[in-house]
mmCIF file of all heavy atoms, coordinates in Angstrom:
data_MODEL
# 
_entry.id   MODEL 
# 
loop_
_atom_site.group_PDB 
_atom_site.id 
_atom_site.type_symbol 
_atom_site.label_atom_id 
_atom_site.label_alt_id 
_atom_site.label_comp_id 
_atom_site.label_asym_id 
_atom_site.label_entity_id 
_atom_site.label_seq_id 
_atom_site.pdbx_PDB_ins_code 
_atom_site.Cartn_x 
_atom_site.Cartn_y 
_atom_site.Cartn_z 
_atom_site.occupancy 
_atom_site.B_iso_or_equiv 
_atom_site.pdbx_formal_charge 
_atom_site.auth_seq_id 
_atom_site.auth_comp_id 
_atom_site.auth_asym_id 
_atom_site.auth_atom_id 
_atom_site.pdbx_PDB_model_num 
ATOM 1   N N   . GLU A 1 1  ? -9.387  10.459  13.866  1.00 0.00 ? 1  GLU A N   1 
ATOM 2   C CA  . GLU A 1 1  ? -8.355  10.971  12.960  1.00 0.00 ? 1  GLU A CA  1 
ATOM 3   C C   . GLU A 1 1  ? -7.162  10.017  12.904  1.00 0.00 ? 1  GLU A C   1 
ATOM 4   O O   . GLU A 1 1  ? -6.631  9.744   11.823  1.00 0.00 ? 1  GLU A O   1 
ATOM 5   C CB  . GLU A 1 1  ? -7.899  12.361  13.408  1.00 0.00 ? 1  GLU A CB  1 
ATOM 6   C CG  . GLU A 1 1  ? -8.924  13.452  13.169  1.00 0.00 ? 1  GLU A CG  1 
ATOM 7   C CD  . GLU A 1 1  ? -8.504  14.795  13.763  1.00 0.00 ? 1  GLU A CD  1 
ATOM 8   O OE1 . GLU A 1 1  ? -7.296  14.992  14.041  1.00 0.00 ? 1  GLU A OE1 1 
ATOM 9   O OE2 . GLU A 1 1  ? -9.379  15.654  13.948  1.00 0.00 ? 1  GLU A OE2 1 
ATOM 10  N N   . LYS A 1 2  ? -6.737  9.530   14.054  1.00 0.00 ? 2  LYS A N   1 
ATOM 11  C CA  . LYS A 1 2  ? -5.602  8.602   14.113  1.00 0.00 ? 2  LYS A CA  1 
ATOM 12  C C   . LYS A 1 2  ? -5.928  7.303   13.376  1.00 0.00 ? 2  LYS A C   1 
ATOM 13  O O   . LYS A 1 2  ? -5.095  6.770   12.646  1.00 0.00 ? 2  LYS A O   1 
ATOM 14  C CB  . LYS A 1 2  ? -5.208  8.286   15.563  1.00 0.00 ? 2  LYS A CB  1 
ATOM 15  C CG  . LYS A 1 2  ? -4.639  9.455   16.307  1.00 0.00 ? 2  LYS A CG  1 
ATOM 16  C CD  . LYS A 1 2  ? -3.277  9.840   15.775  1.00 0.00 ? 2  LYS A CD  1 
ATOM 17  C CE  . LYS A 1 2  ? -2.693  10.979  16.587  1.00 0.00 ? 2  LYS A CE  1 
ATOM 18  N NZ  . LYS A 1 2  ? -1.447  11.467  16.009  1.00 0.00 ? 2  LYS A NZ  1 
ATOM 19  N N   . LEU A 1 3  ? -7.134  6.793   13.566  1.00 0.00 ? 3  LEU A N   1 
ATOM 20  C CA  . LEU A 1 3  ? -7.549  5.573   12.874  1.00 0.00 ? 3  LEU A CA  1 
ATOM 21  C C   . LEU A 1 3  ? -7.562  5.771   11.361  1.00 0.00 ? 3  LEU A C   1 
ATOM 22  O O   . LEU A 1 3  ? -7.162  4.878   10.616  1.00 0.00 ? 3  LEU A O   1 
ATOM 23  C CB  . LEU A 1 3  ? -8.932  5.128   13.348  1.00 0.00 ? 3  LEU A CB  1 
ATOM 24  C CG  . LEU A 1 3  ? -8.971  4.336   14.638  1.00 0.00 ? 3  LEU A CG  1 
ATOM 25  C CD1 . LEU A 1 3  ? -10.418 4.118   15.066  1.00 0.00 ? 3  LEU A CD1 1 
ATOM 26  C CD2 . LEU A 1 3  ? -8.261  3.010   14.514  1.00 0.00 ? 3  LEU A CD2 1 
ATOM 27  N N   . GLN A 1 4  ? -8.003  6.944   10.928  1.00 0.00 ? 4  GLN A N   1 
ATOM 28  C CA  . GLN A 1 4  ? -8.038  7.226   9.494   1.00 0.00 ? 4  GLN A CA  1 
ATOM 29  C C   . GLN A 1 4  ? -6.630  7.226   8.922   1.00 0.00 ? 4  GLN A C   1 
ATOM 30  O O   . GLN A 1 4  ? -6.392  6.729   7.826   1.00 0.00 ? 4  GLN A O   1 
ATOM 31  C CB  . GLN A 1 4  ? -8.732  8.565   9.215   1.00 0.00 ? 4  GLN A CB  1 
ATOM 32  C CG  . GLN A 1 4  ? -9.042  8.783   7.749   1.00 0.00 ? 4  GLN A CG  1 
ATOM 33  C CD  . GLN A 1 4  ? -9.913  7.693   7.160   1.00 0.00 ? 4  GLN A CD  1 
ATOM 34  O OE1 . GLN A 1 4  ? -10.976 7.386   7.688   1.00 0.00 ? 4  GLN A OE1 1 
ATOM 35  N NE2 . GLN A 1 4  ? -9.468  7.095   6.077   1.00 0.00 ? 4  GLN A NE2 1 
ATOM 36  N N   . VAL A 1 5  ? -5.680  7.759   9.678   1.00 0.00 ? 5  VAL A N   1 
ATOM 37  C CA  . VAL A 1 5  ? -4.280  7.762   9.241   1.00 0.00 ? 5  VAL A CA  1 
ATOM 38  C C   . VAL A 1 5  ? -3.773  6.326   9.102   1.00 0.00 ? 5  VAL A C   1 
ATOM 39  O O   . VAL A 1 5  ? -3.127  5.977   8.117   1.00 0.00 ? 5  VAL A O   1 
ATOM 40  C CB  . VAL A 1 5  ? -3.394  8.574   10.227  1.00 0.00 ? 5  VAL A CB  1 
ATOM 41  C CG1 . VAL A 1 5  ? -1.921  8.332   9.940   1.00 0.00 ? 5  VAL A CG1 1 
ATOM 42  C CG2 . VAL A 1 5  ? -3.717  10.057  10.157  1.00 0.00 ? 5  VAL A CG2 1 
ATOM 43  N N   . VAL A 1 6  ? -4.089  5.481   10.079  1.00 0.00 ? 6  VAL A N   1 
ATOM 44  C CA  . VAL A 1 6  ? -3.672  4.078   10.032  1.00 0.00 ? 6  VAL A CA  1 
ATOM 45  C C   . VAL A 1 6  ? -4.285  3.381   8.817   1.00 0.00 ? 6  VAL A C   1 
ATOM 46  O O   . VAL A 1 6  ? -3.597  2.660   8.088   1.00 0.00 ? 6  VAL A O   1 
ATOM 47  C CB  . VAL A 1 6  ? -4.052  3.347   11.343  1.00 0.00 ? 6  VAL A CB  1 
ATOM 48  C CG1 . VAL A 1 6  ? -3.850  1.846   11.194  1.00 0.00 ? 6  VAL A CG1 1 
ATOM 49  C CG2 . VAL A 1 6  ? -3.241  3.886   12.519  1.00 0.00 ? 6  VAL A CG2 1 
ATOM 50  N N   . ILE A 1 7  ? -5.569  3.608   8.589   1.00 0.00 ? 7  ILE A N   1 
ATOM 51  C CA  . ILE A 1 7  ? -6.251  3.007   7.437   1.00 0.00 ? 7  ILE A CA  1 
ATOM 52  C C   . ILE A 1 7  ? -5.604  3.470   6.132   1.00 0.00 ? 7  ILE A C   1 
ATOM 53  O O   . ILE A 1 7  ? -5.332  2.661   5.245   1.00 0.00 ? 7  ILE A O   1 
ATOM 54  C CB  . ILE A 1 7  ? -7.761  3.348   7.463   1.00 0.00 ? 7  ILE A CB  1 
ATOM 55  C CG1 . ILE A 1 7  ? -8.434  2.600   8.620   1.00 0.00 ? 7  ILE A CG1 1 
ATOM 56  C CG2 . ILE A 1 7  ? -8.421  3.010   6.125   1.00 0.00 ? 7  ILE A CG2 1 
ATOM 57  C CD1 . ILE A 1 7  ? -9.835  3.085   8.940   1.00 0.00 ? 7  ILE A CD1 1 
ATOM 58  N N   . ASN A 1 8  ? -5.329  4.768   6.029   1.00 0.00 ? 8  ASN A N   1 
ATOM 59  C CA  . ASN A 1 8  ? -4.702  5.296   4.814   1.00 0.00 ? 8  ASN A CA  1 
ATOM 60  C C   . ASN A 1 8  ? -3.325  4.688   4.600   1.00 0.00 ? 8  ASN A C   1 
ATOM 61  O O   . ASN A 1 8  ? -2.963  4.351   3.470   1.00 0.00 ? 8  ASN A O   1 
ATOM 62  C CB  . ASN A 1 8  ? -4.592  6.824   4.889   1.00 0.00 ? 8  ASN A CB  1 
ATOM 63  C CG  . ASN A 1 8  ? -5.938  7.506   4.774   1.00 0.00 ? 8  ASN A CG  1 
ATOM 64  O OD1 . ASN A 1 8  ? -6.924  6.909   4.383   1.00 0.00 ? 8  ASN A OD1 1 
ATOM 65  N ND2 . ASN A 1 8  ? -5.990  8.765   5.138   1.00 0.00 ? 8  ASN A ND2 1 
ATOM 66  N N   . CYS A 1 9  ? -2.557  4.536   5.674   1.00 0.00 ? 9  CYS A N   1 
ATOM 67  C CA  . CYS A 1 9  ? -1.222  3.938   5.568   1.00 0.00 ? 9  CYS A CA  1 
ATOM 68  C C   . CYS A 1 9  ? -1.304  2.494   5.092   1.00 0.00 ? 9  CYS A C   1 
ATOM 69  O O   . CYS A 1 9  ? -0.497  2.059   4.270   1.00 0.00 ? 9  CYS A O   1 
ATOM 70  C CB  . CYS A 1 9  ? -0.491  4.009   6.911   1.00 0.00 ? 9  CYS A CB  1 
ATOM 71  S SG  . CYS A 1 9  ? 0.082   5.667   7.315   1.00 0.00 ? 9  CYS A SG  1 
ATOM 72  N N   . ARG A 1 10 ? -2.279  1.750   5.584   1.00 0.00 ? 10 ARG A N   1 
ATOM 73  C CA  . ARG A 1 10 ? -2.438  0.354   5.155   1.00 0.00 ? 10 ARG A CA  1 
ATOM 74  C C   . ARG A 1 10 ? -2.816  0.287   3.683   1.00 0.00 ? 10 ARG A C   1 
ATOM 75  O O   . ARG A 1 10 ? -2.339  -0.581  2.956   1.00 0.00 ? 10 ARG A O   1 
ATOM 76  C CB  . ARG A 1 10 ? -3.487  -0.358  6.000   1.00 0.00 ? 10 ARG A CB  1 
ATOM 77  C CG  . ARG A 1 10 ? -2.986  -0.708  7.368   1.00 0.00 ? 10 ARG A CG  1 
ATOM 78  C CD  . ARG A 1 10 ? -3.992  -1.567  8.098   1.00 0.00 ? 10 ARG A CD  1 
ATOM 79  N NE  . ARG A 1 10 ? -3.517  -1.911  9.403   1.00 0.00 ? 10 ARG A NE  1 
ATOM 80  C CZ  . ARG A 1 10 ? -2.965  -3.080  9.711   1.00 0.00 ? 10 ARG A CZ  1 
ATOM 81  N NH1 . ARG A 1 10 ? -2.840  -4.003  8.799   1.00 0.00 ? 10 ARG A NH1 1 
ATOM 82  N NH2 . ARG A 1 10 ? -2.540  -3.310  10.923  1.00 0.00 ? 10 ARG A NH2 1 
ATOM 83  N N   . GLN A 1 11 ? -3.679  1.212   3.237   1.00 0.00 ? 11 GLN A N   1 
ATOM 84  C CA  . GLN A 1 11 ? -4.062  1.220   1.830   1.00 0.00 ? 11 GLN A CA  1 
ATOM 85  C C   . GLN A 1 11 ? -2.866  1.540   0.950   1.00 0.00 ? 11 GLN A C   1 
ATOM 86  O O   . GLN A 1 11 ? -2.662  0.908   -0.088  1.00 0.00 ? 11 GLN A O   1 
ATOM 87  C CB  . GLN A 1 11 ? -5.189  2.243   1.598   1.00 0.00 ? 11 GLN A CB  1 
ATOM 88  C CG  . GLN A 1 11 ? -6.508  1.802   2.182   1.00 0.00 ? 11 GLN A CG  1 
ATOM 89  C CD  . GLN A 1 11 ? -7.564  2.892   2.145   1.00 0.00 ? 11 GLN A CD  1 
ATOM 90  O OE1 . GLN A 1 11 ? -7.272  4.072   1.986   1.00 0.00 ? 11 GLN A OE1 1 
ATOM 91  N NE2 . GLN A 1 11 ? -8.810  2.492   2.317   1.00 0.00 ? 11 GLN A NE2 1 
ATOM 92  N N   . ILE A 1 12 ? -2.060  2.501   1.369   1.00 0.00 ? 12 ILE A N   1 
ATOM 93  C CA  . ILE A 1 12 ? -0.851  2.855   0.623   1.00 0.00 ? 12 ILE A CA  1 
ATOM 94  C C   . ILE A 1 12 ? 0.104   1.672   0.606   1.00 0.00 ? 12 ILE A C   1 
ATOM 95  O O   . ILE A 1 12 ? 0.695   1.350   -0.424  1.00 0.00 ? 12 ILE A O   1 
ATOM 96  C CB  . ILE A 1 12 ? -0.185  4.121   1.222   1.00 0.00 ? 12 ILE A CB  1 
ATOM 97  C CG1 . ILE A 1 12 ? -1.061  5.346   0.946   1.00 0.00 ? 12 ILE A CG1 1 
ATOM 98  C CG2 . ILE A 1 12 ? 1.218   4.318   0.653   1.00 0.00 ? 12 ILE A CG2 1 
ATOM 99  C CD1 . ILE A 1 12 ? -0.660  6.578   1.720   1.00 0.00 ? 12 ILE A CD1 1 
ATOM 100 N N   . ASP A 1 13 ? 0.247   1.013   1.746   1.00 0.00 ? 13 ASP A N   1 
ATOM 101 C CA  . ASP A 1 13 ? 1.116   -0.162  1.852   1.00 0.00 ? 13 ASP A CA  1 
ATOM 102 C C   . ASP A 1 13 ? 0.666   -1.253  0.874   1.00 0.00 ? 13 ASP A C   1 
ATOM 103 O O   . ASP A 1 13 ? 1.496   -1.856  0.195   1.00 0.00 ? 13 ASP A O   1 
ATOM 104 C CB  . ASP A 1 13 ? 1.076   -0.684  3.291   1.00 0.00 ? 13 ASP A CB  1 
ATOM 105 C CG  . ASP A 1 13 ? 2.371   -1.331  3.712   1.00 0.00 ? 13 ASP A CG  1 
ATOM 106 O OD1 . ASP A 1 13 ? 3.435   -0.923  3.217   1.00 0.00 ? 13 ASP A OD1 1 
ATOM 107 O OD2 . ASP A 1 13 ? 2.309   -2.267  4.540   1.00 0.00 ? 13 ASP A OD2 1 
ATOM 108 N N   . ASP A 1 14 ? -0.637  -1.486  0.798   1.00 0.00 ? 14 ASP A N   1 
ATOM 109 C CA  . ASP A 1 14 ? -1.177  -2.476  -0.140  1.00 0.00 ? 14 ASP A CA  1 
ATOM 110 C C   . ASP A 1 14 ? -0.850  -2.097  -1.584  1.00 0.00 ? 14 ASP A C   1 
ATOM 111 O O   . ASP A 1 14 ? -0.474  -2.946  -2.397  1.00 0.00 ? 14 ASP A O   1 
ATOM 112 C CB  . ASP A 1 14 ? -2.691  -2.623  0.022   1.00 0.00 ? 14 ASP A CB  1 
ATOM 113 C CG  . ASP A 1 14 ? -3.086  -3.351  1.294   1.00 0.00 ? 14 ASP A CG  1 
ATOM 114 O OD1 . ASP A 1 14 ? -2.199  -3.957  1.937   1.00 0.00 ? 14 ASP A OD1 1 
ATOM 115 O OD2 . ASP A 1 14 ? -4.282  -3.298  1.646   1.00 0.00 ? 14 ASP A OD2 1 
ATOM 116 N N   . GLU A 1 15 ? -1.002  -0.804  -1.903  1.00 0.00 ? 15 GLU A N   1 
ATOM 117 C CA  . GLU A 1 15 ? -0.714  -0.342  -3.255  1.00 0.00 ? 15 GLU A CA  1 
ATOM 118 C C   . GLU A 1 15 ? 0.766   -0.521  -3.578  1.00 0.00 ? 15 GLU A C   1 
ATOM 119 O O   . GLU A 1 15 ? 1.119   -0.934  -4.688  1.00 0.00 ? 15 GLU A O   1 
ATOM 120 C CB  . GLU A 1 15 ? -1.116  1.124   -3.412  1.00 0.00 ? 15 GLU A CB  1 
ATOM 121 C CG  . GLU A 1 15 ? -2.619  1.337   -3.413  1.00 0.00 ? 15 GLU A CG  1 
ATOM 122 C CD  . GLU A 1 15 ? -2.999  2.806   -3.465  1.00 0.00 ? 15 GLU A CD  1 
ATOM 123 O OE1 . GLU A 1 15 ? -2.202  3.622   -3.976  1.00 0.00 ? 15 GLU A OE1 1 
ATOM 124 O OE2 . GLU A 1 15 ? -4.093  3.134   -2.987  1.00 0.00 ? 15 GLU A OE2 1 
ATOM 125 N N   . ILE A 1 16 ? 1.628   -0.225  -2.620  1.00 0.00 ? 16 ILE A N   1 
ATOM 126 C CA  . ILE A 1 16 ? 3.069   -0.389  -2.819  1.00 0.00 ? 16 ILE A CA  1 
ATOM 127 C C   . ILE A 1 16 ? 3.403   -1.852  -3.070  1.00 0.00 ? 16 ILE A C   1 
ATOM 128 O O   . ILE A 1 16 ? 4.203   -2.172  -3.959  1.00 0.00 ? 16 ILE A O   1 
ATOM 129 C CB  . ILE A 1 16 ? 3.860   0.161   -1.610  1.00 0.00 ? 16 ILE A CB  1 
ATOM 130 C CG1 . ILE A 1 16 ? 3.771   1.692   -1.595  1.00 0.00 ? 16 ILE A CG1 1 
ATOM 131 C CG2 . ILE A 1 16 ? 5.316   -0.300  -1.648  1.00 0.00 ? 16 ILE A CG2 1 
ATOM 132 C CD1 . ILE A 1 16 ? 4.298   2.321   -0.325  1.00 0.00 ? 16 ILE A CD1 1 
ATOM 133 N N   . MET A 1 17 ? 2.797   -2.750  -2.303  1.00 0.00 ? 17 MET A N   1 
ATOM 134 C CA  . MET A 1 17 ? 3.070   -4.187  -2.481  1.00 0.00 ? 17 MET A CA  1 
ATOM 135 C C   . MET A 1 17 ? 2.612   -4.668  -3.858  1.00 0.00 ? 17 MET A C   1 
ATOM 136 O O   . MET A 1 17 ? 3.298   -5.453  -4.506  1.00 0.00 ? 17 MET A O   1 
ATOM 137 C CB  . MET A 1 17 ? 2.399   -5.005  -1.373  1.00 0.00 ? 17 MET A CB  1 
ATOM 138 C CG  . MET A 1 17 ? 3.002   -4.775  0.001   1.00 0.00 ? 17 MET A CG  1 
ATOM 139 S SD  . MET A 1 17 ? 4.789   -4.963  0.065   1.00 0.00 ? 17 MET A SD  1 
ATOM 140 C CE  . MET A 1 17 ? 4.928   -6.716  -0.138  1.00 0.00 ? 17 MET A CE  1 
ATOM 141 N N   . ARG A 1 18 ? 1.447   -4.171  -4.327  1.00 0.00 ? 18 ARG A N   1 
ATOM 142 C CA  . ARG A 1 18 ? 0.972   -4.532  -5.668  1.00 0.00 ? 18 ARG A CA  1 
ATOM 143 C C   . ARG A 1 18 ? 1.937   -4.002  -6.734  1.00 0.00 ? 18 ARG A C   1 
ATOM 144 O O   . ARG A 1 18 ? 2.270   -4.691  -7.696  1.00 0.00 ? 18 ARG A O   1 
ATOM 145 C CB  . ARG A 1 18 ? -0.437  -3.987  -5.914  1.00 0.00 ? 18 ARG A CB  1 
ATOM 146 C CG  . ARG A 1 18 ? -1.541  -4.880  -5.378  1.00 0.00 ? 18 ARG A CG  1 
ATOM 147 C CD  . ARG A 1 18 ? -2.892  -4.519  -5.947  1.00 0.00 ? 18 ARG A CD  1 
ATOM 148 N NE  . ARG A 1 18 ? -3.343  -3.198  -5.565  1.00 0.00 ? 18 ARG A NE  1 
ATOM 149 C CZ  . ARG A 1 18 ? -3.943  -2.897  -4.421  1.00 0.00 ? 18 ARG A CZ  1 
ATOM 150 N NH1 . ARG A 1 18 ? -4.197  -3.836  -3.544  1.00 0.00 ? 18 ARG A NH1 1 
ATOM 151 N NH2 . ARG A 1 18 ? -4.307  -1.669  -4.158  1.00 0.00 ? 18 ARG A NH2 1 
ATOM 152 N N   . PHE A 1 19 ? 2.374   -2.762  -6.553  1.00 0.00 ? 19 PHE A N   1 
ATOM 153 C CA  . PHE A 1 19 ? 3.307   -2.137  -7.490  1.00 0.00 ? 19 PHE A CA  1 
ATOM 154 C C   . PHE A 1 19 ? 4.623   -2.919  -7.518  1.00 0.00 ? 19 PHE A C   1 
ATOM 155 O O   . PHE A 1 19 ? 5.164   -3.200  -8.585  1.00 0.00 ? 19 PHE A O   1 
ATOM 156 C CB  . PHE A 1 19 ? 3.536   -0.680  -7.067  1.00 0.00 ? 19 PHE A CB  1 
ATOM 157 C CG  . PHE A 1 19 ? 4.297   0.137   -8.074  1.00 0.00 ? 19 PHE A CG  1 
ATOM 158 C CD1 . PHE A 1 19 ? 3.869   0.220   -9.387  1.00 0.00 ? 19 PHE A CD1 1 
ATOM 159 C CD2 . PHE A 1 19 ? 5.425   0.837   -7.682  1.00 0.00 ? 19 PHE A CD2 1 
ATOM 160 C CE1 . PHE A 1 19 ? 4.568   0.984   -10.315 1.00 0.00 ? 19 PHE A CE1 1 
ATOM 161 C CE2 . PHE A 1 19 ? 6.135   1.601   -8.605  1.00 0.00 ? 19 PHE A CE2 1 
ATOM 162 C CZ  . PHE A 1 19 ? 5.708   1.680   -9.920  1.00 0.00 ? 19 PHE A CZ  1 
ATOM 163 N N   . LYS A 1 20 ? 5.116   -3.302  -6.351  1.00 0.00 ? 20 LYS A N   1 
ATOM 164 C CA  . LYS A 1 20 ? 6.358   -4.082  -6.239  1.00 0.00 ? 20 LYS A CA  1 
ATOM 165 C C   . LYS A 1 20 ? 6.207   -5.413  -6.985  1.00 0.00 ? 20 LYS A C   1 
ATOM 166 O O   . LYS A 1 20 ? 7.111   -5.831  -7.713  1.00 0.00 ? 20 LYS A O   1 
ATOM 167 C CB  . LYS A 1 20 ? 6.675   -4.317  -4.773  1.00 0.00 ? 20 LYS A CB  1 
ATOM 168 C CG  . LYS A 1 20 ? 7.950   -5.070  -4.543  1.00 0.00 ? 20 LYS A CG  1 
ATOM 169 C CD  . LYS A 1 20 ? 8.221   -5.228  -3.055  1.00 0.00 ? 20 LYS A CD  1 
ATOM 170 C CE  . LYS A 1 20 ? 9.469   -6.053  -2.854  1.00 0.00 ? 20 LYS A CE  1 
ATOM 171 N NZ  . LYS A 1 20 ? 9.324   -7.119  -1.927  1.00 0.00 ? 20 LYS A NZ  1 
ATOM 172 N N   . TYR A 1 21 ? 5.070   -6.072  -6.817  1.00 0.00 ? 21 TYR A N   1 
ATOM 173 C CA  . TYR A 1 21 ? 4.801   -7.338  -7.501  1.00 0.00 ? 21 TYR A CA  1 
ATOM 174 C C   . TYR A 1 21 ? 4.862   -7.146  -9.022  1.00 0.00 ? 21 TYR A C   1 
ATOM 175 O O   . TYR A 1 21 ? 5.476   -7.949  -9.733  1.00 0.00 ? 21 TYR A O   1 
ATOM 176 C CB  . TYR A 1 21 ? 3.441   -7.885  -7.072  1.00 0.00 ? 21 TYR A CB  1 
ATOM 177 C CG  . TYR A 1 21 ? 3.002   -9.093  -7.860  1.00 0.00 ? 21 TYR A CG  1 
ATOM 178 C CD1 . TYR A 1 21 ? 3.525   -10.348 -7.590  1.00 0.00 ? 21 TYR A CD1 1 
ATOM 179 C CD2 . TYR A 1 21 ? 2.064   -8.978  -8.881  1.00 0.00 ? 21 TYR A CD2 1 
ATOM 180 C CE1 . TYR A 1 21 ? 3.134   -11.467 -8.326  1.00 0.00 ? 21 TYR A CE1 1 
ATOM 181 C CE2 . TYR A 1 21 ? 1.669   -10.077 -9.620  1.00 0.00 ? 21 TYR A CE2 1 
ATOM 182 C CZ  . TYR A 1 21 ? 2.199   -11.313 -9.334  1.00 0.00 ? 21 TYR A CZ  1 
ATOM 183 O OH  . TYR A 1 21 ? 1.814   -12.402 -10.070 1.00 0.00 ? 21 TYR A OH  1 
ATOM 184 N N   . HIS A 1 22 ? 4.221   -6.079  -9.524  1.00 0.00 ? 22 HIS A N   1 
ATOM 185 C CA  . HIS A 1 22 ? 4.213   -5.826  -10.966 1.00 0.00 ? 22 HIS A CA  1 
ATOM 186 C C   . HIS A 1 22 ? 5.622   -5.551  -11.481 1.00 0.00 ? 22 HIS A C   1 
ATOM 187 O O   . HIS A 1 22 ? 5.986   -6.016  -12.569 1.00 0.00 ? 22 HIS A O   1 
ATOM 188 C CB  . HIS A 1 22 ? 3.269   -4.663  -11.309 1.00 0.00 ? 22 HIS A CB  1 
ATOM 189 C CG  . HIS A 1 22 ? 1.831   -5.019  -11.212 1.00 0.00 ? 22 HIS A CG  1 
ATOM 190 N ND1 . HIS A 1 22 ? 1.216   -5.916  -12.059 1.00 0.00 ? 22 HIS A ND1 1 
ATOM 191 C CD2 . HIS A 1 22 ? 0.874   -4.614  -10.347 1.00 0.00 ? 22 HIS A CD2 1 
ATOM 192 C CE1 . HIS A 1 22 ? -0.053  -6.056  -11.724 1.00 0.00 ? 22 HIS A CE1 1 
ATOM 193 N NE2 . HIS A 1 22 ? -0.291  -5.278  -10.681 1.00 0.00 ? 22 HIS A NE2 1 
ATOM 194 N N   . ILE A 1 23 ? 6.404   -4.822  -10.709 1.00 0.00 ? 23 ILE A N   1 
ATOM 195 C CA  . ILE A 1 23 ? 7.787   -4.552  -11.102 1.00 0.00 ? 23 ILE A CA  1 
ATOM 196 C C   . ILE A 1 23 ? 8.582   -5.854  -11.155 1.00 0.00 ? 23 ILE A C   1 
ATOM 197 O O   . ILE A 1 23 ? 9.333   -6.096  -12.107 1.00 0.00 ? 23 ILE A O   1 
ATOM 198 C CB  . ILE A 1 23 ? 8.457   -3.547  -10.126 1.00 0.00 ? 23 ILE A CB  1 
ATOM 199 C CG1 . ILE A 1 23 ? 7.830   -2.163  -10.304 1.00 0.00 ? 23 ILE A CG1 1 
ATOM 200 C CG2 . ILE A 1 23 ? 9.963   -3.496  -10.347 1.00 0.00 ? 23 ILE A CG2 1 
ATOM 201 C CD1 . ILE A 1 23 ? 8.252   -1.162  -9.256  1.00 0.00 ? 23 ILE A CD1 1 
ATOM 202 N N   . GLU A 1 24 ? 8.406   -6.708  -10.151 1.00 0.00 ? 24 GLU A N   1 
ATOM 203 C CA  . GLU A 1 24 ? 9.119   -7.989  -10.131 1.00 0.00 ? 24 GLU A CA  1 
ATOM 204 C C   . GLU A 1 24 ? 8.716   -8.863  -11.313 1.00 0.00 ? 24 GLU A C   1 
ATOM 205 O O   . GLU A 1 24 ? 9.565   -9.515  -11.936 1.00 0.00 ? 24 GLU A O   1 
ATOM 206 C CB  . GLU A 1 24 ? 8.866   -8.713  -8.811  1.00 0.00 ? 24 GLU A CB  1 
ATOM 207 C CG  . GLU A 1 24 ? 9.571   -8.057  -7.637  1.00 0.00 ? 24 GLU A CG  1 
ATOM 208 C CD  . GLU A 1 24 ? 9.154   -8.615  -6.284  1.00 0.00 ? 24 GLU A CD  1 
ATOM 209 O OE1 . GLU A 1 24 ? 8.166   -9.371  -6.212  1.00 0.00 ? 24 GLU A OE1 1 
ATOM 210 O OE2 . GLU A 1 24 ? 9.812   -8.265  -5.295  1.00 0.00 ? 24 GLU A OE2 1 
ATOM 211 N N   . MET A 1 25 ? 7.434   -8.886  -11.644 1.00 0.00 ? 25 MET A N   1 
ATOM 212 C CA  . MET A 1 25 ? 6.970   -9.685  -12.788 1.00 0.00 ? 25 MET A CA  1 
ATOM 213 C C   . MET A 1 25 ? 7.549   -9.136  -14.089 1.00 0.00 ? 25 MET A C   1 
ATOM 214 O O   . MET A 1 25 ? 7.989   -9.891  -14.956 1.00 0.00 ? 25 MET A O   1 
ATOM 215 C CB  . MET A 1 25 ? 5.433   -9.691  -12.872 1.00 0.00 ? 25 MET A CB  1 
ATOM 216 C CG  . MET A 1 25 ? 4.756   -10.506 -11.792 1.00 0.00 ? 25 MET A CG  1 
ATOM 217 S SD  . MET A 1 25 ? 5.187   -12.257 -11.841 1.00 0.00 ? 25 MET A SD  1 
ATOM 218 C CE  . MET A 1 25 ? 6.331   -12.366 -10.490 1.00 0.00 ? 25 MET A CE  1 
ATOM 219 N N   . PHE A 1 26 ? 7.565   -7.816  -14.227 1.00 0.00 ? 26 PHE A N   1 
ATOM 220 C CA  . PHE A 1 26 ? 8.131   -7.182  -15.412 1.00 0.00 ? 26 PHE A CA  1 
ATOM 221 C C   . PHE A 1 26 ? 9.611   -7.529  -15.525 1.00 0.00 ? 26 PHE A C   1 
ATOM 222 O O   . PHE A 1 26 ? 10.103  -7.865  -16.602 1.00 0.00 ? 26 PHE A O   1 
ATOM 223 C CB  . PHE A 1 26 ? 7.938   -5.660  -15.343 1.00 0.00 ? 26 PHE A CB  1 
ATOM 224 C CG  . PHE A 1 26 ? 8.531   -4.932  -16.513 1.00 0.00 ? 26 PHE A CG  1 
ATOM 225 C CD1 . PHE A 1 26 ? 7.887   -4.919  -17.736 1.00 0.00 ? 26 PHE A CD1 1 
ATOM 226 C CD2 . PHE A 1 26 ? 9.739   -4.265  -16.386 1.00 0.00 ? 26 PHE A CD2 1 
ATOM 227 C CE1 . PHE A 1 26 ? 8.437   -4.254  -18.824 1.00 0.00 ? 26 PHE A CE1 1 
ATOM 228 C CE2 . PHE A 1 26 ? 10.304  -3.600  -17.465 1.00 0.00 ? 26 PHE A CE2 1 
ATOM 229 C CZ  . PHE A 1 26 ? 9.648   -3.594  -18.685 1.00 0.00 ? 26 PHE A CZ  1 
# 
């Protein structure tokens, strides 16, 4: 369960970084 939480957090972090990149490009 703890590992799944860590994995989910990393996926969310990746999505946030992609979103941030798109905002910066815009």
